[in-house]
Amino acid sequence: MPQTISCAIVVYNEERNIRDCLESAKWMDEIIVVDAFSQDKTVQICREYTPRIYQRPWNGFGEQKNYHVRLGVHPGC
């Protein structure tokens, strides 16, 4: 059975950096973004790379990352 890889990205107002991050991850089978209600164009840029964008309030990095793990389909999150 072929292995698949997921990429989990936690963001907030990262429009200046997110495109480079997503470009480096686009070879992966799945990209999941959890955004803490960015006020810039972060979400708009992310939509160019994945439909899997979720928004939730910032409750700390650990909680955002754990939320990602629950959303992931493939190992690697």
Protein backbone atom coordinates (compact mmCIF):
# COMPACT_ATOMS: atom_id res chain seq x y z
CA MET A 1 0.00 0.00 0.00
CA PRO A 2 1.51 3.38 -0.97
CA GLN A 3 2.11 5.81 1.84
CA THR A 4 0.62 9.27 1.81
CA ILE A 5 1.76 12.41 3.58
CA SER A 6 -0.21 15.30 5.07
CA CYS A 7 1.04 18.79 5.78
CA ALA A 8 -0.43 20.72 8.71
CA ILE A 9 0.06 24.49 8.78
CA VAL A 10 -1.03 26.80 11.60
CA VAL A 11 -1.28 30.43 10.46
CA TYR A 12 -2.22 33.94 11.49
CA ASN A 13 -1.48 36.96 9.30
CA GLU A 14 1.22 35.19 7.28
CA GLU A 15 0.58 36.64 3.83
CA ARG A 16 4.26 37.59 3.45
CA ASN A 17 5.48 34.04 4.15
CA ILE A 18 2.69 31.57 3.41
CA ARG A 19 3.19 31.25 -0.34
CA ASP A 20 6.77 30.00 0.09
CA CYS A 21 5.60 27.56 2.73
CA LEU A 22 2.80 26.21 0.56
CA GLU A 23 5.05 25.97 -2.50
CA SER A 24 7.43 23.78 -0.53
CA ALA A 25 4.54 21.55 0.60
CA LYS A 26 2.52 21.22 -2.60
CA TRP A 27 4.07 17.83 -3.44
CA MET A 28 2.35 16.32 -0.40
CA ASP A 29 -0.92 14.44 -0.71
CA GLU A 30 -2.85 16.75 1.59
CA ILE A 31 -2.39 20.29 2.92
CA ILE A 32 -4.52 21.36 5.86
CA VAL A 33 -4.45 24.95 7.08
CA VAL A 34 -5.82 26.12 10.42
CA ASP A 35 -6.11 29.89 10.45
CA ALA A 36 -6.76 32.02 13.54
CA PHE A 37 -8.95 34.52 11.65
CA SER A 38 -6.16 36.32 9.79
CA GLN A 39 -6.79 39.95 8.93
CA ASP A 40 -4.60 39.94 5.80
CA LYS A 41 -4.61 37.86 2.60
CA THR A 42 -3.37 34.65 4.22
CA VAL A 43 -6.57 32.68 3.62
CA GLN A 44 -6.94 33.94 0.06
CA ILE A 45 -3.42 32.72 -0.76
CA CYS A 46 -4.01 29.38 0.96
CA ARG A 47 -7.10 28.79 -1.19
CA GLU A 48 -4.81 28.71 -4.23
CA TYR A 49 -3.21 25.55 -2.79
CA THR A 50 -5.88 23.72 -0.81
CA PRO A 51 -9.60 23.72 -0.11
CA ARG A 52 -8.90 22.38 3.40
CA ILE A 53 -8.80 25.65 5.33
CA TYR A 54 -10.34 25.84 8.77
CA GLN A 55 -10.72 28.91 10.94
CA ARG A 56 -10.85 28.86 14.70
CA PRO A 57 -9.89 31.26 17.50
CA TRP A 58 -6.30 31.22 18.72
CA ASN A 59 -6.05 29.10 21.87
CA GLY A 60 -2.32 28.52 21.68
CA PHE A 61 -0.09 26.70 19.23
CA GLY A 62 -0.56 23.32 20.88
CA GLU A 63 -4.35 23.42 20.62
CA GLN A 64 -4.23 24.58 17.00
CA LYS A 65 -1.83 21.76 16.10
CA ASN A 66 -3.91 19.15 17.94
CA TYR A 67 -6.96 20.33 16.01
CA HIS A 68 -4.97 19.69 12.83
CA VAL A 69 -4.23 16.13 13.84
CA ARG A 70 -7.93 15.42 14.22
CA LEU A 71 -8.58 16.80 10.72
CA GLY A 72 -5.82 14.91 8.93
CA VAL A 73 -6.61 11.91 6.80
CA HIS A 74 -3.03 10.83 6.16
CA PRO A 75 -0.09 10.30 8.54
CA GLY A 76 2.40 13.13 8.83
CA CYS A 77 0.29 15.90 10.32
